[in-house]
Amino acid sequence: MPAVLQLYGKIGSGLIECGDILPRHLAAVMTESGRYRDRMVDFADASLMALSDLRPALPVVTADRNDFSVYLRSRPRRVLVTR
């Protein structure tokens, strides 16, 4: 987890650029990372969930049904699409 926190710090400081959406919503990504104590939420999953909160009508497309079925439990209106 310390490496992820370092990554968040670098994004927050502008050292790493991720477009214009993610830096504005970095706090939401960080919150999502710490939301589930029983599993490690990686940067990509946390980012996808935070961004899906911005556009709840859009489906979440992933190959990771196991993790996202847990992440979406508290978001009942979300559509999960797995391939």
N, C-alpha and C. Protein backbone atom coordinates (compact mmCIF):
# COMPACT_ATOMS: atom_id res chain seq x y z
N MET A 1 0.80 -1.20 0.00
CA MET A 1 0.00 0.00 0.00
C MET A 1 0.85 1.27 0.00
N PRO A 2 2.03 1.29 0.62
CA PRO A 2 2.84 2.52 0.58
C PRO A 2 3.18 2.97 -0.84
N ALA A 3 3.38 2.04 -1.76
CA ALA A 3 3.68 2.43 -3.14
C ALA A 3 2.49 3.13 -3.78
N VAL A 4 1.29 2.68 -3.47
CA VAL A 4 0.09 3.32 -4.01
C VAL A 4 -0.05 4.72 -3.44
N LEU A 5 0.23 4.89 -2.16
CA LEU A 5 0.17 6.22 -1.55
C LEU A 5 1.20 7.16 -2.18
N GLN A 6 2.38 6.63 -2.49
CA GLN A 6 3.39 7.44 -3.18
C GLN A 6 2.89 7.85 -4.57
N LEU A 7 2.25 6.92 -5.26
CA LEU A 7 1.69 7.22 -6.58
C LEU A 7 0.65 8.33 -6.48
N TYR A 8 -0.26 8.22 -5.51
CA TYR A 8 -1.27 9.25 -5.32
C TYR A 8 -0.63 10.60 -5.03
N GLY A 9 0.42 10.61 -4.23
CA GLY A 9 1.12 11.85 -3.93
C GLY A 9 1.73 12.48 -5.17
N LYS A 10 2.31 11.66 -6.03
CA LYS A 10 2.92 12.17 -7.26
C LYS A 10 1.86 12.70 -8.23
N ILE A 11 0.72 12.04 -8.28
CA ILE A 11 -0.37 12.53 -9.13
C ILE A 11 -0.91 13.85 -8.56
N GLY A 12 -1.11 13.87 -7.25
CA GLY A 12 -1.63 15.08 -6.60
C GLY A 12 -0.73 16.28 -6.74
N SER A 13 0.58 16.05 -6.76
CA SER A 13 1.54 17.15 -6.88
C SER A 13 1.79 17.56 -8.32
N GLY A 14 1.27 16.77 -9.27
CA GLY A 14 1.49 17.10 -10.68
C GLY A 14 2.74 16.48 -11.25
N LEU A 15 3.50 15.72 -10.45
CA LEU A 15 4.71 15.08 -10.94
C LEU A 15 4.39 14.03 -12.01
N ILE A 16 3.26 13.34 -11.83
CA ILE A 16 2.76 12.40 -12.84
C ILE A 16 1.47 12.98 -13.39
N GLU A 17 1.37 13.10 -14.71
CA GLU A 17 0.17 13.64 -15.33
C GLU A 17 -0.73 12.50 -15.79
N CYS A 18 -2.01 12.64 -15.51
CA CYS A 18 -3.02 11.63 -15.86
C CYS A 18 -4.20 12.28 -16.56
N GLY A 19 -3.96 13.22 -17.41
CA GLY A 19 -5.06 13.93 -18.03
C GLY A 19 -5.63 14.95 -17.05
N ASP A 20 -6.83 15.41 -17.32
CA ASP A 20 -7.38 16.44 -16.45
C ASP A 20 -8.48 15.93 -15.52
N ILE A 21 -9.03 14.75 -15.77
CA ILE A 21 -10.13 14.25 -14.93
C ILE A 21 -9.60 13.66 -13.63
N LEU A 22 -8.64 12.77 -13.70
CA LEU A 22 -8.19 12.06 -12.50
C LEU A 22 -7.63 12.97 -11.42
N PRO A 23 -6.75 13.91 -11.73
CA PRO A 23 -6.24 14.77 -10.65
C PRO A 23 -7.34 15.53 -9.91
N ARG A 24 -8.40 15.93 -10.60
CA ARG A 24 -9.49 16.65 -9.94
C ARG A 24 -10.29 15.74 -9.02
N HIS A 25 -10.21 14.44 -9.25
CA HIS A 25 -10.99 13.48 -8.47
C HIS A 25 -10.09 12.51 -7.69
N LEU A 26 -8.86 12.92 -7.45
CA LEU A 26 -7.91 12.05 -6.76
C LEU A 26 -8.37 11.69 -5.36
N ALA A 27 -9.01 12.59 -4.66
CA ALA A 27 -9.50 12.29 -3.30
C ALA A 27 -10.50 11.14 -3.34
N ALA A 28 -11.36 11.12 -4.36
CA ALA A 28 -12.34 10.03 -4.48
C ALA A 28 -11.64 8.70 -4.77
N VAL A 29 -10.59 8.73 -5.58
CA VAL A 29 -9.82 7.51 -5.87
C VAL A 29 -9.15 7.00 -4.60
N MET A 30 -8.58 7.90 -3.84
CA MET A 30 -7.92 7.51 -2.60
C MET A 30 -8.93 6.94 -1.60
N THR A 31 -10.09 7.55 -1.52
CA THR A 31 -11.14 7.03 -0.64
C THR A 31 -11.55 5.63 -1.06
N GLU A 32 -11.71 5.43 -2.35
CA GLU A 32 -12.10 4.12 -2.87
C GLU A 32 -11.03 3.07 -2.54
N SER A 33 -9.77 3.45 -2.59
CA SER A 33 -8.68 2.52 -2.28
C SER A 33 -8.76 2.00 -0.86
N GLY A 34 -9.20 2.84 0.06
CA GLY A 34 -9.25 2.44 1.46
C GLY A 34 -10.61 1.95 1.92
N ARG A 35 -11.55 1.85 1.02
CA ARG A 35 -12.92 1.54 1.39
C ARG A 35 -13.16 0.08 1.80
N TYR A 36 -12.39 -0.83 1.24
CA TYR A 36 -12.63 -2.26 1.46
C TYR A 36 -11.45 -2.86 2.23
N ARG A 37 -11.64 -3.13 3.50
CA ARG A 37 -10.55 -3.61 4.35
C ARG A 37 -10.14 -5.03 4.04
N ASP A 38 -11.07 -5.83 3.51
CA ASP A 38 -10.78 -7.24 3.28
C ASP A 38 -10.13 -7.52 1.94
N ARG A 39 -9.93 -6.50 1.13
CA ARG A 39 -9.27 -6.72 -0.17
C ARG A 39 -8.46 -5.50 -0.56
N MET A 40 -7.42 -5.76 -1.32
CA MET A 40 -6.55 -4.70 -1.80
C MET A 40 -7.15 -4.12 -3.08
N VAL A 41 -7.54 -2.87 -3.04
CA VAL A 41 -8.10 -2.20 -4.21
C VAL A 41 -6.94 -1.52 -4.92
N ASP A 42 -6.64 -1.97 -6.14
CA ASP A 42 -5.51 -1.37 -6.84
C ASP A 42 -5.91 -0.03 -7.48
N PHE A 43 -4.92 0.68 -7.97
CA PHE A 43 -5.12 2.01 -8.53
C PHE A 43 -6.12 2.00 -9.68
N ALA A 44 -6.01 1.04 -10.57
CA ALA A 44 -6.90 0.99 -11.73
C ALA A 44 -8.35 0.77 -11.30
N ASP A 45 -8.57 -0.18 -10.39
CA ASP A 45 -9.93 -0.45 -9.92
C ASP A 45 -10.50 0.76 -9.18
N ALA A 46 -9.72 1.37 -8.32
CA ALA A 46 -10.18 2.54 -7.57
C ALA A 46 -10.51 3.69 -8.52
N SER A 47 -9.69 3.87 -9.53
CA SER A 47 -9.93 4.93 -10.52
C SER A 47 -11.22 4.68 -11.28
N LEU A 48 -11.41 3.44 -11.71
CA LEU A 48 -12.62 3.10 -12.46
C LEU A 48 -13.87 3.32 -11.61
N MET A 49 -13.82 2.94 -10.34
CA MET A 49 -14.99 3.13 -9.48
C MET A 49 -15.26 4.61 -9.22
N ALA A 50 -14.21 5.38 -8.98
CA ALA A 50 -14.40 6.82 -8.75
C ALA A 50 -14.95 7.49 -10.01
N LEU A 51 -14.44 7.11 -11.17
CA LEU A 51 -14.96 7.68 -12.41
C LEU A 51 -16.38 7.22 -12.69
N SER A 52 -16.71 5.99 -12.30
CA SER A 52 -18.08 5.52 -12.52
C SER A 52 -19.06 6.28 -11.64
N ASP A 53 -18.59 6.81 -10.52
CA ASP A 53 -19.46 7.63 -9.67
C ASP A 53 -19.80 8.95 -10.36
N LEU A 54 -18.93 9.40 -11.26
CA LEU A 54 -19.21 10.62 -12.02
C LEU A 54 -20.26 10.39 -13.10
N ARG A 55 -20.30 9.17 -13.62
CA ARG A 55 -21.23 8.81 -14.71
C ARG A 55 -21.95 7.52 -14.35
N PRO A 56 -22.83 7.54 -13.36
CA PRO A 56 -23.45 6.30 -12.88
C PRO A 56 -24.32 5.58 -13.91
N ALA A 57 -24.78 6.27 -14.94
CA ALA A 57 -25.63 5.62 -15.94
C ALA A 57 -24.82 4.77 -16.92
N LEU A 58 -23.51 5.00 -16.98
CA LEU A 58 -22.67 4.22 -17.89
C LEU A 58 -22.29 2.89 -17.26
N PRO A 59 -22.17 1.83 -18.06
CA PRO A 59 -21.79 0.53 -17.50
C PRO A 59 -20.32 0.50 -17.09
N VAL A 60 -20.01 -0.34 -16.13
CA VAL A 60 -18.63 -0.60 -15.74
C VAL A 60 -18.22 -1.85 -16.49
N VAL A 61 -17.22 -1.72 -17.36
CA VAL A 61 -16.77 -2.84 -18.19
C VAL A 61 -15.44 -3.34 -17.64
N THR A 62 -15.40 -4.62 -17.29
CA THR A 62 -14.20 -5.20 -16.69
C THR A 62 -14.17 -6.70 -16.93
N ALA A 63 -13.00 -7.27 -16.82
CA ALA A 63 -12.85 -8.73 -16.86
C ALA A 63 -12.80 -9.29 -15.44
N ASP A 64 -12.84 -8.42 -14.44
CA ASP A 64 -12.68 -8.80 -13.04
C ASP A 64 -14.02 -8.85 -12.32
N ARG A 65 -14.81 -9.86 -12.59
CA ARG A 65 -16.14 -9.98 -11.98
C ARG A 65 -16.05 -10.12 -10.46
N ASN A 66 -15.08 -10.85 -9.95
CA ASN A 66 -14.98 -11.09 -8.50
C ASN A 66 -14.87 -9.80 -7.70
N ASP A 67 -13.90 -8.96 -8.05
CA ASP A 67 -13.72 -7.72 -7.29
C ASP A 67 -14.86 -6.74 -7.53
N PHE A 68 -15.26 -6.56 -8.78
CA PHE A 68 -16.25 -5.54 -9.08
C PHE A 68 -17.64 -5.91 -8.59
N SER A 69 -17.93 -7.19 -8.42
CA SER A 69 -19.22 -7.55 -7.83
C SER A 69 -19.27 -7.08 -6.37
N VAL A 70 -18.12 -7.02 -5.71
CA VAL A 70 -18.05 -6.48 -4.34
C VAL A 70 -18.12 -4.96 -4.37
N TYR A 71 -17.34 -4.34 -5.25
CA TYR A 71 -17.30 -2.87 -5.31
C TYR A 71 -18.67 -2.28 -5.65
N LEU A 72 -19.44 -2.99 -6.45
CA LEU A 72 -20.72 -2.45 -6.91
C LEU A 72 -21.89 -2.77 -5.99
N ARG A 73 -21.68 -3.55 -4.95
CA ARG A 73 -22.78 -3.87 -4.02
C ARG A 73 -23.43 -2.62 -3.45
N SER A 74 -22.62 -1.64 -3.12
CA SER A 74 -23.16 -0.41 -2.54
C SER A 74 -23.60 0.59 -3.61
N ARG A 75 -23.53 0.16 -4.85
CA ARG A 75 -23.95 0.99 -5.98
C ARG A 75 -24.94 0.19 -6.83
N PRO A 76 -26.13 -0.03 -6.32
CA PRO A 76 -27.06 -0.97 -6.95
C PRO A 76 -27.53 -0.60 -8.35
N ARG A 77 -27.46 0.66 -8.71
CA ARG A 77 -27.94 1.06 -10.04
C ARG A 77 -26.88 0.89 -11.12
N ARG A 78 -25.69 0.45 -10.77
CA ARG A 78 -24.63 0.30 -11.76
C ARG A 78 -24.78 -0.99 -12.53
N VAL A 79 -24.39 -0.97 -13.78
CA VAL A 79 -24.43 -2.14 -14.64
C VAL A 79 -23.00 -2.64 -14.79
N LEU A 80 -22.77 -3.91 -14.50
CA LEU A 80 -21.46 -4.52 -14.65
C LEU A 80 -21.45 -5.36 -15.91
N VAL A 81 -20.50 -5.09 -16.79
CA VAL A 81 -20.34 -5.84 -18.02
C VAL A 81 -18.99 -6.53 -17.95
N THR A 82 -18.99 -7.86 -18.02
CA THR A 82 -17.72 -8.60 -18.00
C THR A 82 -17.59 -9.41 -19.27
N ARG A 83 -16.39 -9.62 -19.66
CA ARG A 83 -16.09 -10.41 -20.89
C ARG A 83 -15.11 -11.48 -20.56
